[in-house]
Amino acid sequence: MALALLAGCNKKTEYPPEVQRTTYNSCMQGFKAKAPAAARDVDAKAKDYCQCVLDGLQAKVPLEDFLRYDQLLASGAAHAEAELRGGPVMTVVNACLERMPRS
């Protein structure tokens, strides 16, 4: 019984398809916009990075928290709630950046 409960601890909860699509597309656009002009394999790197981010968010950040953080960002709000909700998101983003090859 305990193993069954523990096994569920790392199970990701998938976001609704529209949230997945919007998050992934926004990530792709942002990644490509910030990539150096001479960078190689930008599309492949963007896909790998953005899939990592999406998977990480679904595994580590409850949907309600992610949507609230996204709402705070869209409104330009810079206050304690945005920082609090952004912590887990930035942990995922930073972990995915660390995974990227350095070339």
PDB file of N, CA and C in Angstrom:
ATOM      1  N   MET A   1       0.824  -1.199   0.000  1.00  0.00           N
ATOM      2  CA  MET A   1       0.000   0.000   0.000  1.00  0.00           C
ATOM      3  C   MET A   1       0.864   1.257   0.000  1.00  0.00           C
ATOM      4  N   ALA A   2       1.896   1.282   0.850  1.00  0.00           N
ATOM      5  CA  ALA A   2       2.762   2.458   0.916  1.00  0.00           C
ATOM      6  C   ALA A   2       3.469   2.687  -0.413  1.00  0.00           C
ATOM      7  N   LEU A   3       3.891   1.612  -1.077  1.00  0.00           N
ATOM      8  CA  LEU A   3       4.559   1.761  -2.365  1.00  0.00           C
ATOM      9  C   LEU A   3       3.626   2.358  -3.406  1.00  0.00           C
ATOM     10  N   ALA A   4       2.390   1.973  -3.376  1.00  0.00           N
ATOM     11  CA  ALA A   4       1.424   2.522  -4.323  1.00  0.00           C
ATOM     12  C   ALA A   4       1.246   4.019  -4.097  1.00  0.00           C
ATOM     13  N   LEU A   5       1.238   4.435  -2.840  1.00  0.00           N
ATOM     14  CA  LEU A   5       1.111   5.854  -2.541  1.00  0.00           C
ATOM     15  C   LEU A   5       2.352   6.614  -2.967  1.00  0.00           C
ATOM     16  N   LEU A   6       3.520   6.042  -2.695  1.00  0.00           N
ATOM     17  CA  LEU A   6       4.768   6.690  -3.080  1.00  0.00           C
ATOM     18  C   LEU A   6       4.915   6.757  -4.592  1.00  0.00           C
ATOM     19  N   ALA A   7       4.475   5.752  -5.280  1.00  0.00           N
ATOM     20  CA  ALA A   7       4.582   5.737  -6.739  1.00  0.00           C
ATOM     21  C   ALA A   7       3.810   6.896  -7.348  1.00  0.00           C
ATOM     22  N   GLY A   8       2.731   7.293  -6.725  1.00  0.00           N
ATOM     23  CA  GLY A   8       1.935   8.393  -7.237  1.00  0.00           C
ATOM     24  C   GLY A   8       2.531   9.758  -6.970  1.00  0.00           C
ATOM     25  N   CYS A   9       3.538   9.835  -6.106  1.00  0.00           N
ATOM     26  CA  CYS A   9       4.118  11.127  -5.756  1.00  0.00           C
ATOM     27  C   CYS A   9       4.822  11.797  -6.931  1.00  0.00           C
ATOM     28  N   ASN A  10       5.444  11.028  -7.793  1.00  0.00           N
ATOM     29  CA  ASN A  10       6.176  11.604  -8.912  1.00  0.00           C
ATOM     30  C   ASN A  10       5.367  11.624 -10.203  1.00  0.00           C
ATOM     31  N   LYS A  11       4.142  11.207 -10.140  1.00  0.00           N
ATOM     32  CA  LYS A  11       3.309  11.165 -11.337  1.00  0.00           C
ATOM     33  C   LYS A  11       2.920  12.587 -11.726  1.00  0.00           C
ATOM     34  N   LYS A  12       3.150  12.914 -12.995  1.00  0.00           N
ATOM     35  CA  LYS A  12       2.795  14.257 -13.420  1.00  0.00           C
ATOM     36  C   LYS A  12       1.305  14.334 -13.711  1.00  0.00           C
ATOM     37  N   THR A  13       0.771  15.503 -13.494  1.00  0.00           N
ATOM     38  CA  THR A  13      -0.611  15.778 -13.820  1.00  0.00           C
ATOM     39  C   THR A  13      -0.601  16.615 -15.083  1.00  0.00           C
ATOM     40  N   GLU A  14      -1.128  16.078 -16.142  1.00  0.00           N
ATOM     41  CA  GLU A  14      -1.103  16.809 -17.403  1.00  0.00           C
ATOM     42  C   GLU A  14      -2.037  18.005 -17.355  1.00  0.00           C
ATOM     43  N   TYR A  15      -1.544  19.109 -17.893  1.00  0.00           N
ATOM     44  CA  TYR A  15      -2.362  20.302 -18.043  1.00  0.00           C
ATOM     45  C   TYR A  15      -3.341  20.058 -19.191  1.00  0.00           C
ATOM     46  N   PRO A  16      -4.429  20.816 -19.232  1.00  0.00           N
ATOM     47  CA  PRO A  16      -5.359  20.689 -20.363  1.00  0.00           C
ATOM     48  C   PRO A  16      -4.621  20.968 -21.683  1.00  0.00           C
ATOM     49  N   PRO A  17      -5.075  20.348 -22.769  1.00  0.00           N
ATOM     50  CA  PRO A  17      -4.384  20.506 -24.057  1.00  0.00           C
ATOM     51  C   PRO A  17      -4.151  21.959 -24.470  1.00  0.00           C
ATOM     52  N   GLU A  18      -5.114  22.826 -24.243  1.00  0.00           N
ATOM     53  CA  GLU A  18      -4.945  24.231 -24.645  1.00  0.00           C
ATOM     54  C   GLU A  18      -3.836  24.910 -23.846  1.00  0.00           C
ATOM     55  N   VAL A  19      -3.741  24.602 -22.559  1.00  0.00           N
ATOM     56  CA  VAL A  19      -2.669  25.166 -21.725  1.00  0.00           C
ATOM     57  C   VAL A  19      -1.322  24.621 -22.189  1.00  0.00           C
ATOM     58  N   GLN A  20      -1.268  23.325 -22.489  1.00  0.00           N
ATOM     59  CA  GLN A  20      -0.026  22.734 -23.000  1.00  0.00           C
ATOM     60  C   GLN A  20       0.402  23.416 -24.295  1.00  0.00           C
ATOM     61  N   ARG A  21      -0.520  23.557 -25.204  1.00  0.00           N
ATOM     62  CA  ARG A  21      -0.230  24.141 -26.519  1.00  0.00           C
ATOM     63  C   ARG A  21       0.254  25.591 -26.376  1.00  0.00           C
ATOM     64  N   THR A  22      -0.466  26.377 -25.598  1.00  0.00           N
ATOM     65  CA  THR A  22      -0.115  27.783 -25.411  1.00  0.00           C
ATOM     66  C   THR A  22       1.244  27.927 -24.735  1.00  0.00           C
ATOM     67  N   THR A  23       1.482  27.128 -23.710  1.00  0.00           N
ATOM     68  CA  THR A  23       2.750  27.190 -22.985  1.00  0.00           C
ATOM     69  C   THR A  23       3.907  26.797 -23.889  1.00  0.00           C
ATOM     70  N   TYR A  24       3.744  25.708 -24.616  1.00  0.00           N
ATOM     71  CA  TYR A  24       4.800  25.223 -25.511  1.00  0.00           C
ATOM     72  C   TYR A  24       5.079  26.244 -26.620  1.00  0.00           C
ATOM     73  N   ASN A  25       4.033  26.760 -27.258  1.00  0.00           N
ATOM     74  CA  ASN A  25       4.213  27.728 -28.347  1.00  0.00           C
ATOM     75  C   ASN A  25       4.862  29.016 -27.859  1.00  0.00           C
ATOM     76  N   SER A  26       4.455  29.479 -26.693  1.00  0.00           N
ATOM     77  CA  SER A  26       5.049  30.680 -26.114  1.00  0.00           C
ATOM     78  C   SER A  26       6.526  30.452 -25.808  1.00  0.00           C
ATOM     79  N   CYS A  27       6.832  29.288 -25.286  1.00  0.00           N
ATOM     80  CA  CYS A  27       8.220  28.922 -25.001  1.00  0.00           C
ATOM     81  C   CYS A  27       9.043  28.908 -26.286  1.00  0.00           C
ATOM     82  N   MET A  28       8.518  28.289 -27.317  1.00  0.00           N
ATOM     83  CA  MET A  28       9.235  28.205 -28.596  1.00  0.00           C
ATOM     84  C   MET A  28       9.521  29.605 -29.147  1.00  0.00           C
ATOM     85  N   GLN A  29       8.530  30.469 -29.124  1.00  0.00           N
ATOM     86  CA  GLN A  29       8.713  31.833 -29.634  1.00  0.00           C
ATOM     87  C   GLN A  29       9.766  32.581 -28.824  1.00  0.00           C
ATOM     88  N   GLY A  30       9.684  32.464 -27.505  1.00  0.00           N
ATOM     89  CA  GLY A  30      10.642  33.145 -26.642  1.00  0.00           C
ATOM     90  C   GLY A  30      12.053  32.631 -26.827  1.00  0.00           C
ATOM     91  N   PHE A  31      12.191  31.317 -26.937  1.00  0.00           N
ATOM     92  CA  PHE A  31      13.510  30.714 -27.120  1.00  0.00           C
ATOM     93  C   PHE A  31      14.131  31.200 -28.423  1.00  0.00           C
ATOM     94  N   LYS A  32      13.369  31.127 -29.498  1.00  0.00           N
ATOM     95  CA  LYS A  32      13.895  31.523 -30.812  1.00  0.00           C
ATOM     96  C   LYS A  32      14.224  33.014 -30.860  1.00  0.00           C
ATOM     97  N   ALA A  33      13.432  33.832 -30.187  1.00  0.00           N
ATOM     98  CA  ALA A  33      13.680  35.273 -30.178  1.00  0.00           C
ATOM     99  C   ALA A  33      14.976  35.617 -29.449  1.00  0.00           C
ATOM    100  N   LYS A  34      15.338  34.808 -28.455  1.00  0.00           N
ATOM    101  CA  LYS A  34      16.539  35.088 -27.665  1.00  0.00           C
ATOM    102  C   LYS A  34      17.777  34.359 -28.165  1.00  0.00           C
ATOM    103  N   ALA A  35      17.610  33.455 -29.107  1.00  0.00           N
ATOM    104  CA  ALA A  35      18.754  32.695 -29.625  1.00  0.00           C
ATOM    105  C   ALA A  35      19.632  33.602 -30.478  1.00  0.00           C
ATOM    106  N   PRO A  36      20.954  33.472 -30.329  1.00  0.00           N
ATOM    107  CA  PRO A  36      21.859  34.254 -31.180  1.00  0.00           C
ATOM    108  C   PRO A  36      21.633  33.916 -32.653  1.00  0.00           C
ATOM    109  N   ALA A  37      21.814  34.894 -33.504  1.00  0.00           N
ATOM    110  CA  ALA A  37      21.578  34.713 -34.939  1.00  0.00           C
ATOM    111  C   ALA A  37      22.423  33.591 -35.527  1.00  0.00           C
ATOM    112  N   ALA A  38      23.629  33.399 -35.007  1.00  0.00           N
ATOM    113  CA  ALA A  38      24.533  32.384 -35.549  1.00  0.00           C
ATOM    114  C   ALA A  38      24.369  31.016 -34.878  1.00  0.00           C
ATOM    115  N   ALA A  39      23.416  30.899 -33.981  1.00  0.00           N
ATOM    116  CA  ALA A  39      23.238  29.635 -33.255  1.00  0.00           C
ATOM    117  C   ALA A  39      22.833  28.513 -34.204  1.00  0.00           C
ATOM    118  N   ARG A  40      23.368  27.333 -33.936  1.00  0.00           N
ATOM    119  CA  ARG A  40      23.042  26.148 -34.742  1.00  0.00           C
ATOM    120  C   ARG A  40      21.882  25.381 -34.124  1.00  0.00           C
ATOM    121  N   ASP A  41      21.150  24.704 -34.968  1.00  0.00           N
ATOM    122  CA  ASP A  41      20.084  23.801 -34.517  1.00  0.00           C
ATOM    123  C   ASP A  41      19.101  24.464 -33.556  1.00  0.00           C
ATOM    124  N   VAL A  42      18.752  25.705 -33.825  1.00  0.00           N
ATOM    125  CA  VAL A  42      17.868  26.441 -32.923  1.00  0.00           C
ATOM    126  C   VAL A  42      16.527  25.732 -32.773  1.00  0.00           C
ATOM    127  N   ASP A  43      15.952  25.250 -33.870  1.00  0.00           N
ATOM    128  CA  ASP A  43      14.651  24.582 -33.781  1.00  0.00           C
ATOM    129  C   ASP A  43      14.717  23.346 -32.898  1.00  0.00           C
ATOM    130  N   ALA A  44      15.726  22.515 -33.089  1.00  0.00           N
ATOM    131  CA  ALA A  44      15.860  21.290 -32.292  1.00  0.00           C
ATOM    132  C   ALA A  44      16.100  21.619 -30.823  1.00  0.00           C
ATOM    133  N   LYS A  45      16.953  22.601 -30.566  1.00  0.00           N
ATOM    134  CA  LYS A  45      17.226  22.991 -29.178  1.00  0.00           C
ATOM    135  C   LYS A  45      15.980  23.573 -28.528  1.00  0.00           C
ATOM    136  N   ALA A  46      15.253  24.386 -29.279  1.00  0.00           N
ATOM    137  CA  ALA A  46      14.025  24.974 -28.747  1.00  0.00           C
ATOM    138  C   ALA A  46      13.010  23.887 -28.407  1.00  0.00           C
ATOM    139  N   LYS A  47      12.856  22.918 -29.298  1.00  0.00           N
ATOM    140  CA  LYS A  47      11.910  21.823 -29.047  1.00  0.00           C
ATOM    141  C   LYS A  47      12.292  21.038 -27.800  1.00  0.00           C
ATOM    142  N   ASP A  48      13.575  20.690 -27.667  1.00  0.00           N
ATOM    143  CA  ASP A  48      14.031  19.939 -26.496  1.00  0.00           C
ATOM    144  C   ASP A  48      13.818  20.733 -25.211  1.00  0.00           C
ATOM    145  N   TYR A  49      14.221  21.991 -25.246  1.00  0.00           N
ATOM    146  CA  TYR A  49      14.097  22.842 -24.069  1.00  0.00           C
ATOM    147  C   TYR A  49      12.631  23.023 -23.675  1.00  0.00           C
ATOM    148  N   CYS A  50      11.792  23.362 -24.637  1.00  0.00           N
ATOM    149  CA  CYS A  50      10.389  23.640 -24.331  1.00  0.00           C
ATOM    150  C   CYS A  50       9.631  22.388 -23.896  1.00  0.00           C
ATOM    151  N   GLN A  51      10.001  21.235 -24.431  1.00  0.00           N
ATOM    152  CA  GLN A  51       9.378  19.992 -23.963  1.00  0.00           C
ATOM    153  C   GLN A  51       9.805  19.708 -22.527  1.00  0.00           C
ATOM    154  N   CYS A  52      11.075  19.976 -22.221  1.00  0.00           N
ATOM    155  CA  CYS A  52      11.568  19.823 -20.854  1.00  0.00           C
ATOM    156  C   CYS A  52      10.790  20.729 -19.902  1.00  0.00           C
ATOM    157  N   VAL A  53      10.611  21.980 -20.297  1.00  0.00           N
ATOM    158  CA  VAL A  53       9.877  22.930 -19.460  1.00  0.00           C
ATOM    159  C   VAL A  53       8.437  22.469 -19.258  1.00  0.00           C
ATOM    160  N   LEU A  54       7.771  22.097 -20.326  1.00  0.00           N
ATOM    161  CA  LEU A  54       6.377  21.662 -20.214  1.00  0.00           C
ATOM    162  C   LEU A  54       6.255  20.426 -19.325  1.00  0.00           C
ATOM    163  N   ASP A  55       7.123  19.450 -19.538  1.00  0.00           N
ATOM    164  CA  ASP A  55       7.094  18.240 -18.709  1.00  0.00           C
ATOM    165  C   ASP A  55       7.370  18.576 -17.246  1.00  0.00           C
ATOM    166  N   GLY A  56       8.353  19.435 -17.016  1.00  0.00           N
ATOM    167  CA  GLY A  56       8.704  19.820 -15.649  1.00  0.00           C
ATOM    168  C   GLY A  56       7.588  20.573 -14.954  1.00  0.00           C
ATOM    169  N   LEU A  57       6.959  21.480 -15.666  1.00  0.00           N
ATOM    170  CA  LEU A  57       5.845  22.227 -15.076  1.00  0.00           C
ATOM    171  C   LEU A  57       4.721  21.284 -14.682  1.00  0.00           C
ATOM    172  N   GLN A  58       4.378  20.378 -15.574  1.00  0.00           N
ATOM    173  CA  GLN A  58       3.285  19.443 -15.286  1.00  0.00           C
ATOM    174  C   GLN A  58       3.629  18.532 -14.110  1.00  0.00           C
ATOM    175  N   ALA A  59       4.902  18.211 -13.950  1.00  0.00           N
ATOM    176  CA  ALA A  59       5.322  17.324 -12.865  1.00  0.00           C
ATOM    177  C   ALA A  59       5.454  18.050 -11.530  1.00  0.00           C
ATOM    178  N   LYS A  60       5.810  19.331 -11.568  1.00  0.00           N
ATOM    179  CA  LYS A  60       6.181  20.026 -10.331  1.00  0.00           C
ATOM    180  C   LYS A  60       5.275  21.181  -9.921  1.00  0.00           C
ATOM    181  N   VAL A  61       4.499  21.712 -10.847  1.00  0.00           N
ATOM    182  CA  VAL A  61       3.711  22.914 -10.551  1.00  0.00           C
ATOM    183  C   VAL A  61       2.230  22.625 -10.781  1.00  0.00           C
ATOM    184  N   PRO A  62       1.427  22.683  -9.722  1.00  0.00           N
ATOM    185  CA  PRO A  62      -0.011  22.460  -9.903  1.00  0.00           C
ATOM    186  C   PRO A  62      -0.597  23.450 -10.918  1.00  0.00           C
ATOM    187  N   LEU A  63      -1.538  22.980 -11.685  1.00  0.00           N
ATOM    188  CA  LEU A  63      -2.144  23.794 -12.739  1.00  0.00           C
ATOM    189  C   LEU A  63      -2.626  25.140 -12.204  1.00  0.00           C
ATOM    190  N   GLU A  64      -3.319  25.141 -11.078  1.00  0.00           N
ATOM    191  CA  GLU A  64      -3.864  26.382 -10.530  1.00  0.00           C
ATOM    192  C   GLU A  64      -2.752  27.381 -10.236  1.00  0.00           C
ATOM    193  N   ASP A  65      -1.630  26.898  -9.685  1.00  0.00           N
ATOM    194  CA  ASP A  65      -0.503  27.783  -9.384  1.00  0.00           C
ATOM    195  C   ASP A  65       0.112  28.335 -10.666  1.00  0.00           C
ATOM    196  N   PHE A  66       0.257  27.480 -11.670  1.00  0.00           N
ATOM    197  CA  PHE A  66       0.835  27.926 -12.932  1.00  0.00           C
ATOM    198  C   PHE A  66      -0.047  28.976 -13.597  1.00  0.00           C
ATOM    199  N   LEU A  67      -1.347  28.727 -13.634  1.00  0.00           N
ATOM    200  CA  LEU A  67      -2.268  29.679 -14.265  1.00  0.00           C
ATOM    201  C   LEU A  67      -2.286  31.013 -13.527  1.00  0.00           C
ATOM    202  N   ARG A  68      -2.229  30.965 -12.206  1.00  0.00           N
ATOM    203  CA  ARG A  68      -2.206  32.207 -11.418  1.00  0.00           C
ATOM    204  C   ARG A  68      -0.909  32.968 -11.687  1.00  0.00           C
ATOM    205  N   TYR A  69       0.213  32.261 -11.738  1.00  0.00           N
ATOM    206  CA  TYR A  69       1.497  32.903 -12.027  1.00  0.00           C
ATOM    207  C   TYR A  69       1.471  33.532 -13.420  1.00  0.00           C
ATOM    208  N   ASP A  70       0.948  32.808 -14.381  1.00  0.00           N
ATOM    209  CA  ASP A  70       0.847  33.323 -15.746  1.00  0.00           C
ATOM    210  C   ASP A  70      -0.012  34.589 -15.778  1.00  0.00           C
ATOM    211  N   GLN A  71      -1.094  34.565 -15.032  1.00  0.00           N
ATOM    212  CA  GLN A  71      -1.983  35.727 -14.949  1.00  0.00           C
ATOM    213  C   GLN A  71      -1.250  36.924 -14.335  1.00  0.00           C
ATOM    214  N   LEU A  72      -0.478  36.680 -13.288  1.00  0.00           N
ATOM    215  CA  LEU A  72       0.278  37.755 -12.651  1.00  0.00           C
ATOM    216  C   LEU A  72       1.316  38.338 -13.605  1.00  0.00           C
ATOM    217  N   LEU A  73       1.981  37.475 -14.363  1.00  0.00           N
ATOM    218  CA  LEU A  73       2.959  37.952 -15.344  1.00  0.00           C
ATOM    219  C   LEU A  73       2.293  38.795 -16.422  1.00  0.00           C
ATOM    220  N   ALA A  74       1.167  38.320 -16.915  1.00  0.00           N
ATOM    221  CA  ALA A  74       0.460  39.029 -17.984  1.00  0.00           C
ATOM    222  C   ALA A  74      -0.014  40.406 -17.530  1.00  0.00           C
ATOM    223  N   SER A  75      -0.328  40.529 -16.251  1.00  0.00           N
ATOM    224  CA  SER A  75      -0.815  41.810 -15.728  1.00  0.00           C
ATOM    225  C   SER A  75       0.330  42.745 -15.359  1.00  0.00           C
ATOM    226  N   GLY A  76       1.557  42.234 -15.417  1.00  0.00           N
ATOM    227  CA  GLY A  76       2.712  43.055 -15.066  1.00  0.00           C
ATOM    228  C   GLY A  76       2.883  43.228 -13.571  1.00  0.00           C
ATOM    229  N   ALA A  77       2.173  42.442 -12.799  1.00  0.00           N
ATOM    230  CA  ALA A  77       2.246  42.548 -11.347  1.00  0.00           C
ATOM    231  C   ALA A  77       3.604  42.068 -10.845  1.00  0.00           C
ATOM    232  N   ALA A  78       4.227  42.894 -10.036  1.00  0.00           N
ATOM    233  CA  ALA A  78       5.506  42.513  -9.434  1.00  0.00           C
ATOM    234  C   ALA A  78       5.350  42.652  -7.928  1.00  0.00           C
ATOM    235  N   HIS A  79       4.912  41.597  -7.315  1.00  0.00           N
ATOM    236  CA  HIS A  79       4.752  41.637  -5.865  1.00  0.00           C
ATOM    237  C   HIS A  79       5.026  40.259  -5.287  1.00  0.00           C
ATOM    238  N   ALA A  80       4.825  40.139  -4.004  1.00  0.00           N
ATOM    239  CA  ALA A  80       5.195  38.915  -3.296  1.00  0.00           C
ATOM    240  C   ALA A  80       4.515  37.672  -3.859  1.00  0.00           C
ATOM    241  N   GLU A  81       3.260  37.776  -4.254  1.00  0.00           N
ATOM    242  CA  GLU A  81       2.572  36.591  -4.777  1.00  0.00           C
ATOM    243  C   GLU A  81       3.222  36.106  -6.068  1.00  0.00           C
ATOM    244  N   ALA A  82       3.622  37.030  -6.930  1.00  0.00           N
ATOM    245  CA  ALA A  82       4.280  36.637  -8.184  1.00  0.00           C
ATOM    246  C   ALA A  82       5.597  35.930  -7.887  1.00  0.00           C
ATOM    247  N   GLU A  83       6.354  36.451  -6.931  1.00  0.00           N
ATOM    248  CA  GLU A  83       7.616  35.809  -6.562  1.00  0.00           C
ATOM    249  C   GLU A  83       7.376  34.433  -5.962  1.00  0.00           C
ATOM    250  N   LEU A  84       6.383  34.326  -5.106  1.00  0.00           N
ATOM    251  CA  LEU A  84       6.071  33.049  -4.463  1.00  0.00           C
ATOM    252  C   LEU A  84       5.649  32.009  -5.493  1.00  0.00           C
ATOM    253  N   ARG A  85       4.753  32.373  -6.366  1.00  0.00           N
ATOM    254  CA  ARG A  85       4.265  31.423  -7.377  1.00  0.00           C
ATOM    255  C   ARG A  85       5.304  31.155  -8.452  1.00  0.00           C
ATOM    256  N   GLY A  86       6.192  32.092  -8.679  1.00  0.00           N
ATOM    257  CA  GLY A  86       7.211  31.932  -9.710  1.00  0.00           C
ATOM    258  C   GLY A  86       8.371  31.049  -9.306  1.00  0.00           C
ATOM    259  N   GLY A  87       8.571  30.835  -8.021  1.00  0.00           N
ATOM    260  CA  GLY A  87       9.698  30.025  -7.557  1.00  0.00           C
ATOM    261  C   GLY A  87       9.745  28.638  -8.176  1.00  0.00           C
ATOM    262  N   PRO A  88       8.682  27.854  -8.068  1.00  0.00           N
ATOM    263  CA  PRO A  88       8.691  26.516  -8.668  1.00  0.00           C
ATOM    264  C   PRO A  88       8.819  26.546 -10.190  1.00  0.00           C
ATOM    265  N   VAL A  89       8.247  27.555 -10.822  1.00  0.00           N
ATOM    266  CA  VAL A  89       8.353  27.680 -12.279  1.00  0.00           C
ATOM    267  C   VAL A  89       9.809  27.917 -12.660  1.00  0.00           C
ATOM    268  N   MET A  90      10.470  28.830 -11.959  1.00  0.00           N
ATOM    269  CA  MET A  90      11.864  29.137 -12.270  1.00  0.00           C
ATOM    270  C   MET A  90      12.786  27.959 -11.960  1.00  0.00           C
ATOM    271  N   THR A  91      12.448  27.160 -10.971  1.00  0.00           N
ATOM    272  CA  THR A  91      13.230  25.957 -10.683  1.00  0.00           C
ATOM    273  C   THR A  91      13.199  25.022 -11.887  1.00  0.00           C
ATOM    274  N   VAL A  92      12.035  24.846 -12.479  1.00  0.00           N
ATOM    275  CA  VAL A  92      11.893  24.003 -13.675  1.00  0.00           C
ATOM    276  C   VAL A  92      12.676  24.607 -14.842  1.00  0.00           C
ATOM    277  N   VAL A  93      12.494  25.895 -15.072  1.00  0.00           N
ATOM    278  CA  VAL A  93      13.183  26.571 -16.180  1.00  0.00           C
ATOM    279  C   VAL A  93      14.696  26.430 -16.036  1.00  0.00           C
ATOM    280  N   ASN A  94      15.211  26.688 -14.841  1.00  0.00           N
ATOM    281  CA  ASN A  94      16.655  26.604 -14.622  1.00  0.00           C
ATOM    282  C   ASN A  94      17.179  25.184 -14.800  1.00  0.00           C
ATOM    283  N   ALA A  95      16.421  24.192 -14.354  1.00  0.00           N
ATOM    284  CA  ALA A  95      16.834  22.794 -14.532  1.00  0.00           C
ATOM    285  C   ALA A  95      16.914  22.452 -16.021  1.00  0.00           C
ATOM    286  N   CYS A  96      15.977  22.945 -16.801  1.00  0.00           N
ATOM    287  CA  CYS A  96      15.994  22.676 -18.248  1.00  0.00           C
ATOM    288  C   CYS A  96      17.142  23.408 -18.936  1.00  0.00           C
ATOM    289  N   LEU A  97      17.448  24.607 -18.483  1.00  0.00           N
ATOM    290  CA  LEU A  97      18.597  25.331 -19.038  1.00  0.00           C
ATOM    291  C   LEU A  97      19.895  24.585 -18.752  1.00  0.00           C
ATOM    292  N   GLU A  98      20.008  24.029 -17.563  1.00  0.00           N
ATOM    293  CA  GLU A  98      21.212  23.271 -17.193  1.00  0.00           C
ATOM    294  C   GLU A  98      21.392  22.029 -18.056  1.00  0.00           C
ATOM    295  N   ARG A  99      20.306  21.443 -18.510  1.00  0.00           N
ATOM    296  CA  ARG A  99      20.355  20.228 -19.342  1.00  0.00           C
ATOM    297  C   ARG A  99      20.808  20.502 -20.767  1.00  0.00           C
ATOM    298  N   MET A 100      20.712  21.741 -21.190  1.00  0.00           N
ATOM    299  CA  MET A 100      21.017  22.069 -22.586  1.00  0.00           C
ATOM    300  C   MET A 100      22.506  21.925 -22.877  1.00  0.00           C
ATOM    301  N   PRO A 101      22.823  21.389 -24.048  1.00  0.00           N
ATOM    302  CA  PRO A 101      24.231  21.289 -24.444  1.00  0.00           C
ATOM    303  C   PRO A 101      24.824  22.682 -24.641  1.00  0.00           C
ATOM    304  N   ARG A 102      26.080  22.809 -24.327  1.00  0.00           N
ATOM    305  CA  ARG A 102      26.784  24.095 -24.446  1.00  0.00           C
ATOM    306  C   ARG A 102      27.545  24.162 -25.763  1.00  0.00           C
ATOM    307  N   SER A 103      26.839  24.446 -26.835  1.00  0.00           N
ATOM    308  CA  SER A 103      27.543  24.588 -28.118  1.00  0.00           C
ATOM    309  C   SER A 103      26.907  25.611 -28.993  1.00  0.00           C
TER     310      SER A 103
END
